[in-house]
Amino acid sequence: MIRCPECSAEIDVDEDEVEEGEILSCPECESELEVSQTHPVHLNLISEDGDDDDDDDDDEDEAAEESENGDLIDEDEEEEEEEDEE
């Protein structure tokens, strides 16, 4: 028997039936928990605070600044390319 790191509720988990990286849900607080260790079972709370979403936005911004061949380009170079096209 292990406890939820968020609400301390008892969670019935058999260490022979779970795998490392598996996602479980707490029956009391419904937090998502990742199995980080199997012998003995150790659970980590998967944060839902939105910080991970900010990292995804940064990746999208970088992708928008990539040139056609996939290289990152500076804004100055981009302006020069536009002038050359005219």
PDB file of N, CA and C in Angstrom:
ATOM      1  N   MET A   1       0.852  -1.178   0.000  1.00  0.00           N
ATOM      2  CA  MET A   1       0.000   0.000   0.000  1.00  0.00           C
ATOM      3  C   MET A   1       0.900   1.244   0.000  1.00  0.00           C
ATOM      4  N   ILE A   2       0.624   2.177  -0.889  1.00  0.00           N
ATOM      5  CA  ILE A   2       1.380   3.424  -0.924  1.00  0.00           C
ATOM      6  C   ILE A   2       0.423   4.597  -0.773  1.00  0.00           C
ATOM      7  N   ARG A   3       0.976   5.783  -0.585  1.00  0.00           N
ATOM      8  CA  ARG A   3       0.150   6.966  -0.382  1.00  0.00           C
ATOM      9  C   ARG A   3       0.337   7.962  -1.521  1.00  0.00           C
ATOM     10  N   CYS A   4      -0.737   8.663  -1.838  1.00  0.00           N
ATOM     11  CA  CYS A   4      -0.713   9.709  -2.847  1.00  0.00           C
ATOM     12  C   CYS A   4       0.142  10.867  -2.324  1.00  0.00           C
ATOM     13  N   PRO A   5       1.101  11.350  -3.124  1.00  0.00           N
ATOM     14  CA  PRO A   5       1.920  12.474  -2.660  1.00  0.00           C
ATOM     15  C   PRO A   5       1.146  13.790  -2.561  1.00  0.00           C
ATOM     16  N   GLU A   6      -0.026  13.861  -3.156  1.00  0.00           N
ATOM     17  CA  GLU A   6      -0.833  15.076  -3.131  1.00  0.00           C
ATOM     18  C   GLU A   6      -1.764  15.119  -1.919  1.00  0.00           C
ATOM     19  N   CYS A   7      -2.534  14.036  -1.693  1.00  0.00           N
ATOM     20  CA  CYS A   7      -3.551  14.067  -0.633  1.00  0.00           C
ATOM     21  C   CYS A   7      -3.335  13.016   0.452  1.00  0.00           C
ATOM     22  N   SER A   8      -2.311  12.192   0.302  1.00  0.00           N
ATOM     23  CA  SER A   8      -1.953  11.145   1.266  1.00  0.00           C
ATOM     24  C   SER A   8      -2.970  10.009   1.347  1.00  0.00           C
ATOM     25  N   ALA A   9      -3.849   9.910   0.374  1.00  0.00           N
ATOM     26  CA  ALA A   9      -4.794   8.798   0.349  1.00  0.00           C
ATOM     27  C   ALA A   9      -4.045   7.505   0.037  1.00  0.00           C
ATOM     28  N   GLU A  10      -4.524   6.403   0.582  1.00  0.00           N
ATOM     29  CA  GLU A  10      -3.900   5.112   0.317  1.00  0.00           C
ATOM     30  C   GLU A  10      -4.269   4.652  -1.090  1.00  0.00           C
ATOM     31  N   ILE A  11      -3.253   4.183  -1.815  1.00  0.00           N
ATOM     32  CA  ILE A  11      -3.467   3.679  -3.172  1.00  0.00           C
ATOM     33  C   ILE A  11      -2.985   2.236  -3.190  1.00  0.00           C
ATOM     34  N   ASP A  12      -3.866   1.340  -3.588  1.00  0.00           N
ATOM     35  CA  ASP A  12      -3.534  -0.081  -3.610  1.00  0.00           C
ATOM     36  C   ASP A  12      -2.833  -0.393  -4.930  1.00  0.00           C
ATOM     37  N   VAL A  13      -1.502  -0.560  -4.867  1.00  0.00           N
ATOM     38  CA  VAL A  13      -0.709  -0.834  -6.063  1.00  0.00           C
ATOM     39  C   VAL A  13       0.187  -2.031  -5.776  1.00  0.00           C
ATOM     40  N   ASP A  14       0.140  -3.016  -6.661  1.00  0.00           N
ATOM     41  CA  ASP A  14       1.012  -4.182  -6.544  1.00  0.00           C
ATOM     42  C   ASP A  14       2.267  -3.908  -7.365  1.00  0.00           C
ATOM     43  N   GLU A  15       3.439  -3.873  -6.711  1.00  0.00           N
ATOM     44  CA  GLU A  15       4.666  -3.514  -7.415  1.00  0.00           C
ATOM     45  C   GLU A  15       5.012  -4.482  -8.538  1.00  0.00           C
ATOM     46  N   ASP A  16       4.440  -5.667  -8.537  1.00  0.00           N
ATOM     47  CA  ASP A  16       4.668  -6.620  -9.627  1.00  0.00           C
ATOM     48  C   ASP A  16       3.774  -6.342 -10.830  1.00  0.00           C
ATOM     49  N   GLU A  17       2.761  -5.495 -10.655  1.00  0.00           N
ATOM     50  CA  GLU A  17       1.811  -5.229 -11.736  1.00  0.00           C
ATOM     51  C   GLU A  17       1.981  -3.866 -12.397  1.00  0.00           C
ATOM     52  N   VAL A  18       2.875  -3.027 -11.885  1.00  0.00           N
ATOM     53  CA  VAL A  18       3.088  -1.708 -12.478  1.00  0.00           C
ATOM     54  C   VAL A  18       4.465  -1.644 -13.120  1.00  0.00           C
ATOM     55  N   GLU A  19       4.598  -0.750 -14.092  1.00  0.00           N
ATOM     56  CA  GLU A  19       5.869  -0.553 -14.771  1.00  0.00           C
ATOM     57  C   GLU A  19       6.336   0.874 -14.558  1.00  0.00           C
ATOM     58  N   GLU A  20       7.643   1.074 -14.571  1.00  0.00           N
ATOM     59  CA  GLU A  20       8.204   2.416 -14.442  1.00  0.00           C
ATOM     60  C   GLU A  20       7.718   3.268 -15.617  1.00  0.00           C
ATOM     61  N   GLY A  21       7.271   4.478 -15.317  1.00  0.00           N
ATOM     62  CA  GLY A  21       6.748   5.381 -16.338  1.00  0.00           C
ATOM     63  C   GLY A  21       5.239   5.299 -16.507  1.00  0.00           C
ATOM     64  N   GLU A  22       4.619   4.309 -15.898  1.00  0.00           N
ATOM     65  CA  GLU A  22       3.163   4.150 -15.980  1.00  0.00           C
ATOM     66  C   GLU A  22       2.471   5.301 -15.255  1.00  0.00           C
ATOM     67  N   ILE A  23       1.337   5.734 -15.781  1.00  0.00           N
ATOM     68  CA  ILE A  23       0.569   6.826 -15.176  1.00  0.00           C
ATOM     69  C   ILE A  23      -0.631   6.234 -14.444  1.00  0.00           C
ATOM     70  N   LEU A  24      -0.761   6.609 -13.178  1.00  0.00           N
ATOM     71  CA  LEU A  24      -1.893   6.179 -12.358  1.00  0.00           C
ATOM     72  C   LEU A  24      -2.690   7.409 -11.945  1.00  0.00           C
ATOM     73  N   SER A  25      -3.908   7.184 -11.482  1.00  0.00           N
ATOM     74  CA  SER A  25      -4.740   8.277 -11.006  1.00  0.00           C
ATOM     75  C   SER A  25      -5.142   7.986  -9.568  1.00  0.00           C
ATOM     76  N   CYS A  26      -5.039   8.999  -8.726  1.00  0.00           N
ATOM     77  CA  CYS A  26      -5.435   8.845  -7.334  1.00  0.00           C
ATOM     78  C   CYS A  26      -6.960   8.748  -7.266  1.00  0.00           C
ATOM     79  N   PRO A  27      -7.485   7.744  -6.565  1.00  0.00           N
ATOM     80  CA  PRO A  27      -8.944   7.609  -6.474  1.00  0.00           C
ATOM     81  C   PRO A  27      -9.604   8.710  -5.643  1.00  0.00           C
ATOM     82  N   GLU A  28      -8.847   9.381  -4.774  1.00  0.00           N
ATOM     83  CA  GLU A  28      -9.419  10.425  -3.923  1.00  0.00           C
ATOM     84  C   GLU A  28      -9.376  11.799  -4.586  1.00  0.00           C
ATOM     85  N   CYS A  29      -8.167  12.265  -4.947  1.00  0.00           N
ATOM     86  CA  CYS A  29      -8.036  13.633  -5.470  1.00  0.00           C
ATOM     87  C   CYS A  29      -7.926  13.678  -6.996  1.00  0.00           C
ATOM     88  N   GLU A  30      -7.873  12.497  -7.622  1.00  0.00           N
ATOM     89  CA  GLU A  30      -7.806  12.360  -9.079  1.00  0.00           C
ATOM     90  C   GLU A  30      -6.548  12.966  -9.697  1.00  0.00           C
ATOM     91  N   SER A  31      -5.488  13.150  -8.892  1.00  0.00           N
ATOM     92  CA  SER A  31      -4.205  13.631  -9.416  1.00  0.00           C
ATOM     93  C   SER A  31      -3.579  12.540 -10.270  1.00  0.00           C
ATOM     94  N   GLU A  32      -2.877  12.965 -11.313  1.00  0.00           N
ATOM     95  CA  GLU A  32      -2.149  12.011 -12.135  1.00  0.00           C
ATOM     96  C   GLU A  32      -0.785  11.775 -11.507  1.00  0.00           C
ATOM     97  N   LEU A  33      -0.420  10.503 -11.382  1.00  0.00           N
ATOM     98  CA  LEU A  33       0.805  10.119 -10.709  1.00  0.00           C
ATOM     99  C   LEU A  33       1.609   9.214 -11.628  1.00  0.00           C
ATOM    100  N   GLU A  34       2.895   9.477 -11.722  1.00  0.00           N
ATOM    101  CA  GLU A  34       3.776   8.662 -12.554  1.00  0.00           C
ATOM    102  C   GLU A  34       4.580   7.727 -11.661  1.00  0.00           C
ATOM    103  N   VAL A  35       4.665   6.455 -12.064  1.00  0.00           N
ATOM    104  CA  VAL A  35       5.464   5.488 -11.338  1.00  0.00           C
ATOM    105  C   VAL A  35       6.927   5.757 -11.702  1.00  0.00           C
ATOM    106  N   SER A  36       7.710   6.213 -10.719  1.00  0.00           N
ATOM    107  CA  SER A  36       9.113   6.524 -10.983  1.00  0.00           C
ATOM    108  C   SER A  36      10.041   5.395 -10.541  1.00  0.00           C
ATOM    109  N   GLN A  37       9.503   4.472  -9.766  1.00  0.00           N
ATOM    110  CA  GLN A  37      10.296   3.344  -9.256  1.00  0.00           C
ATOM    111  C   GLN A  37       9.326   2.219  -8.959  1.00  0.00           C
ATOM    112  N   THR A  38       9.752   0.970  -9.194  1.00  0.00           N
ATOM    113  CA  THR A  38       8.825  -0.139  -8.991  1.00  0.00           C
ATOM    114  C   THR A  38       9.117  -1.000  -7.769  1.00  0.00           C
ATOM    115  N   HIS A  39      10.342  -1.060  -7.287  1.00  0.00           N
ATOM    116  CA  HIS A  39      10.665  -1.909  -6.128  1.00  0.00           C
ATOM    117  C   HIS A  39      11.447  -1.118  -5.106  1.00  0.00           C
ATOM    118  N   PRO A  40      10.893  -0.481  -4.123  1.00  0.00           N
ATOM    119  CA  PRO A  40       9.456  -0.342  -3.861  1.00  0.00           C
ATOM    120  C   PRO A  40       8.833   0.694  -4.792  1.00  0.00           C
ATOM    121  N   VAL A  41       7.526   0.654  -4.905  1.00  0.00           N
ATOM    122  CA  VAL A  41       6.819   1.586  -5.780  1.00  0.00           C
ATOM    123  C   VAL A  41       6.930   3.004  -5.222  1.00  0.00           C
ATOM    124  N   HIS A  42       7.311   3.926  -6.105  1.00  0.00           N
ATOM    125  CA  HIS A  42       7.384   5.339  -5.733  1.00  0.00           C
ATOM    126  C   HIS A  42       6.648   6.132  -6.806  1.00  0.00           C
ATOM    127  N   LEU A  43       5.778   7.044  -6.368  1.00  0.00           N
ATOM    128  CA  LEU A  43       4.976   7.837  -7.297  1.00  0.00           C
ATOM    129  C   LEU A  43       5.383   9.302  -7.252  1.00  0.00           C
ATOM    130  N   ASN A  44       5.406   9.939  -8.415  1.00  0.00           N
ATOM    131  CA  ASN A  44       5.642  11.380  -8.519  1.00  0.00           C
ATOM    132  C   ASN A  44       4.382  12.042  -9.044  1.00  0.00           C
ATOM    133  N   LEU A  45       4.023  13.154  -8.455  1.00  0.00           N
ATOM    134  CA  LEU A  45       2.870  13.922  -8.897  1.00  0.00           C
ATOM    135  C   LEU A  45       3.193  14.573 -10.231  1.00  0.00           C
ATOM    136  N   ILE A  46       2.317  14.427 -11.200  1.00  0.00           N
ATOM    137  CA  ILE A  46       2.476  15.102 -12.483  1.00  0.00           C
ATOM    138  C   ILE A  46       1.810  16.459 -12.340  1.00  0.00           C
ATOM    139  N   SER A  47       2.609  17.525 -12.462  1.00  0.00           N
ATOM    140  CA  SER A  47       2.083  18.872 -12.214  1.00  0.00           C
ATOM    141  C   SER A  47       1.071  19.256 -13.275  1.00  0.00           C
ATOM    142  N   GLU A  48       0.064  19.987 -12.826  1.00  0.00           N
ATOM    143  CA  GLU A  48      -0.985  20.477 -13.719  1.00  0.00           C
ATOM    144  C   GLU A  48      -1.076  21.985 -13.617  1.00  0.00           C
ATOM    145  N   ASP A  49       0.060  22.655 -13.284  1.00  0.00           N
ATOM    146  CA  ASP A  49       0.026  24.089 -13.037  1.00  0.00           C
ATOM    147  C   ASP A  49       0.186  24.935 -14.290  1.00  0.00           C
ATOM    148  N   GLY A  50       0.384  24.303 -15.437  1.00  0.00           N
ATOM    149  CA  GLY A  50       0.459  25.064 -16.677  1.00  0.00           C
ATOM    150  C   GLY A  50       1.859  25.493 -17.054  1.00  0.00           C
ATOM    151  N   ASP A  51       2.875  25.227 -16.221  1.00  0.00           N
ATOM    152  CA  ASP A  51       4.239  25.612 -16.559  1.00  0.00           C
ATOM    153  C   ASP A  51       4.719  24.893 -17.810  1.00  0.00           C
ATOM    154  N   ASP A  52       4.307  23.647 -17.989  1.00  0.00           N
ATOM    155  CA  ASP A  52       4.737  22.893 -19.161  1.00  0.00           C
ATOM    156  C   ASP A  52       4.208  23.511 -20.442  1.00  0.00           C
ATOM    157  N   ASP A  53       3.025  24.117 -20.381  1.00  0.00           N
ATOM    158  CA  ASP A  53       2.447  24.739 -21.573  1.00  0.00           C
ATOM    159  C   ASP A  53       3.289  25.906 -22.060  1.00  0.00           C
ATOM    160  N   ASP A  54       3.919  26.641 -21.130  1.00  0.00           N
ATOM    161  CA  ASP A  54       4.759  27.766 -21.517  1.00  0.00           C
ATOM    162  C   ASP A  54       5.953  27.302 -22.329  1.00  0.00           C
ATOM    163  N   ASP A  55       6.525  26.156 -21.973  1.00  0.00           N
ATOM    164  CA  ASP A  55       7.660  25.625 -22.715  1.00  0.00           C
ATOM    165  C   ASP A  55       7.251  25.276 -24.139  1.00  0.00           C
ATOM    166  N   ASP A  56       6.049  24.731 -24.307  1.00  0.00           N
ATOM    167  CA  ASP A  56       5.567  24.390 -25.641  1.00  0.00           C
ATOM    168  C   ASP A  56       5.408  25.633 -26.497  1.00  0.00           C
ATOM    169  N   ASP A  57       4.946  26.732 -25.900  1.00  0.00           N
ATOM    170  CA  ASP A  57       4.778  27.975 -26.649  1.00  0.00           C
ATOM    171  C   ASP A  57       6.117  28.483 -27.163  1.00  0.00           C
ATOM    172  N   ASP A  58       7.172  28.359 -26.357  1.00  0.00           N
ATOM    173  CA  ASP A  58       8.496  28.794 -26.782  1.00  0.00           C
ATOM    174  C   ASP A  58       8.963  27.997 -27.989  1.00  0.00           C
ATOM    175  N   ASP A  59       8.705  26.694 -27.987  1.00  0.00           N
ATOM    176  CA  ASP A  59       9.101  25.860 -29.114  1.00  0.00           C
ATOM    177  C   ASP A  59       8.367  26.275 -30.383  1.00  0.00           C
ATOM    178  N   GLU A  60       7.088  26.630 -30.253  1.00  0.00           N
ATOM    179  CA  GLU A  60       6.315  27.052 -31.417  1.00  0.00           C
ATOM    180  C   GLU A  60       6.843  28.366 -31.974  1.00  0.00           C
ATOM    181  N   ASP A  61       7.249  29.291 -31.091  1.00  0.00           N
ATOM    182  CA  ASP A  61       7.803  30.565 -31.538  1.00  0.00           C
ATOM    183  C   ASP A  61       9.084  30.345 -32.332  1.00  0.00           C
ATOM    184  N   GLU A  62       9.953  29.452 -31.835  1.00  0.00           N
ATOM    185  CA  GLU A  62      11.191  29.161 -32.544  1.00  0.00           C
ATOM    186  C   GLU A  62      10.898  28.547 -33.896  1.00  0.00           C
ATOM    187  N   ALA A  63       9.933  27.653 -33.962  1.00  0.00           N
ATOM    188  CA  ALA A  63       9.596  26.997 -35.219  1.00  0.00           C
ATOM    189  C   ALA A  63       9.098  28.009 -36.241  1.00  0.00           C
ATOM    190  N   ALA A  64       8.384  29.028 -35.784  1.00  0.00           N
ATOM    191  CA  ALA A  64       7.857  30.039 -36.686  1.00  0.00           C
ATOM    192  C   ALA A  64       8.973  30.880 -37.290  1.00  0.00           C
ATOM    193  N   GLU A  65      10.126  30.951 -36.611  1.00  0.00           N
ATOM    194  CA  GLU A  65      11.232  31.761 -37.089  1.00  0.00           C
ATOM    195  C   GLU A  65      12.206  30.975 -37.960  1.00  0.00           C
ATOM    196  N   GLU A  66      11.932  29.714 -38.209  1.00  0.00           N
ATOM    197  CA  GLU A  66      12.836  28.912 -39.028  1.00  0.00           C
ATOM    198  C   GLU A  66      12.646  29.235 -40.504  1.00  0.00           C
ATOM    199  N   SER A  67      13.751  29.171 -41.245  1.00  0.00           N
ATOM    200  CA  SER A  67      13.676  29.389 -42.684  1.00  0.00           C
ATOM    201  C   SER A  67      13.180  28.118 -43.359  1.00  0.00           C
ATOM    202  N   GLU A  68      13.056  28.144 -44.664  1.00  0.00           N
ATOM    203  CA  GLU A  68      12.529  27.001 -45.393  1.00  0.00           C
ATOM    204  C   GLU A  68      13.412  25.778 -45.248  1.00  0.00           C
ATOM    205  N   ASN A  69      14.731  25.947 -45.140  1.00  0.00           N
ATOM    206  CA  ASN A  69      15.624  24.797 -45.007  1.00  0.00           C
ATOM    207  C   ASN A  69      15.794  24.345 -43.562  1.00  0.00           C
ATOM    208  N   GLY A  70      15.066  24.955 -42.611  1.00  0.00           N
ATOM    209  CA  GLY A  70      15.072  24.527 -41.229  1.00  0.00           C
ATOM    210  C   GLY A  70      16.082  25.238 -40.360  1.00  0.00           C
ATOM    211  N   ASP A  71      16.886  26.146 -40.937  1.00  0.00           N
ATOM    212  CA  ASP A  71      17.862  26.887 -40.143  1.00  0.00           C
ATOM    213  C   ASP A  71      17.180  28.077 -39.493  1.00  0.00           C
ATOM    214  N   LEU A  72      17.616  28.392 -38.286  1.00  0.00           N
ATOM    215  CA  LEU A  72      17.104  29.598 -37.643  1.00  0.00           C
ATOM    216  C   LEU A  72      17.725  30.807 -38.325  1.00  0.00           C
ATOM    217  N   ILE A  73      16.924  31.839 -38.521  1.00  0.00           N
ATOM    218  CA  ILE A  73      17.442  33.036 -39.174  1.00  0.00           C
ATOM    219  C   ILE A  73      17.232  34.234 -38.273  1.00  0.00           C
ATOM    220  N   ASP A  74      18.120  35.209 -38.381  1.00  0.00           N
ATOM    221  CA  ASP A  74      17.991  36.445 -37.625  1.00  0.00           C
ATOM    222  C   ASP A  74      16.996  37.346 -38.327  1.00  0.00           C
ATOM    223  N   GLU A  75      16.415  38.278 -37.579  1.00  0.00           N
ATOM    224  CA  GLU A  75      15.474  39.218 -38.181  1.00  0.00           C
ATOM    225  C   GLU A  75      16.167  40.084 -39.219  1.00  0.00           C
ATOM    226  N   ASP A  76      17.445  40.460 -38.986  1.00  0.00           N
ATOM    227  CA  ASP A  76      18.184  41.273 -39.946  1.00  0.00           C
ATOM    228  C   ASP A  76      18.358  40.532 -41.265  1.00  0.00           C
ATOM    229  N   GLU A  77      18.700  39.242 -41.177  1.00  0.00           N
ATOM    230  CA  GLU A  77      18.863  38.445 -42.386  1.00  0.00           C
ATOM    231  C   GLU A  77      17.545  38.329 -43.129  1.00  0.00           C
ATOM    232  N   GLU A  78      16.462  38.208 -42.382  1.00  0.00           N
ATOM    233  CA  GLU A  78      15.142  38.096 -42.992  1.00  0.00           C
ATOM    234  C   GLU A  78      14.810  39.365 -43.770  1.00  0.00           C
ATOM    235  N   GLU A  79      15.125  40.527 -43.205  1.00  0.00           N
ATOM    236  CA  GLU A  79      14.869  41.789 -43.890  1.00  0.00           C
ATOM    237  C   GLU A  79      15.716  41.907 -45.146  1.00  0.00           C
ATOM    238  N   GLU A  80      16.972  41.472 -45.112  1.00  0.00           N
ATOM    239  CA  GLU A  80      17.847  41.496 -46.272  1.00  0.00           C
ATOM    240  C   GLU A  80      17.296  40.606 -47.375  1.00  0.00           C
ATOM    241  N   GLU A  81      16.776  39.431 -47.006  1.00  0.00           N
ATOM    242  CA  GLU A  81      16.221  38.518 -47.992  1.00  0.00           C
ATOM    243  C   GLU A  81      14.999  39.153 -48.662  1.00  0.00           C
ATOM    244  N   GLU A  82      14.166  39.838 -47.881  1.00  0.00           N
ATOM    245  CA  GLU A  82      12.991  40.482 -48.454  1.00  0.00           C
ATOM    246  C   GLU A  82      13.398  41.593 -49.420  1.00  0.00           C
ATOM    247  N   GLU A  83      14.447  42.340 -49.089  1.00  0.00           N
ATOM    248  CA  GLU A  83      14.924  43.416 -49.971  1.00  0.00           C
ATOM    249  C   GLU A  83      15.478  42.816 -51.252  1.00  0.00           C
ATOM    250  N   ASP A  84      16.188  41.700 -51.164  1.00  0.00           N
ATOM    251  CA  ASP A  84      16.741  41.060 -52.350  1.00  0.00           C
ATOM    252  C   ASP A  84      15.649  40.565 -53.289  1.00  0.00           C
ATOM    253  N   GLU A  85      14.532  40.124 -52.742  1.00  0.00           N
ATOM    254  CA  GLU A  85      13.430  39.618 -53.553  1.00  0.00           C
ATOM    255  C   GLU A  85      12.742  40.727 -54.311  1.00  0.00           C
ATOM    256  N   GLU A  86      12.789  41.948 -53.825  1.00  0.00           N
ATOM    257  CA  GLU A  86      12.075  43.062 -54.475  1.00  0.00           C
ATOM    258  C   GLU A  86      12.813  43.548 -55.627  1.00  0.00           C
TER     259      GLU A  86
END
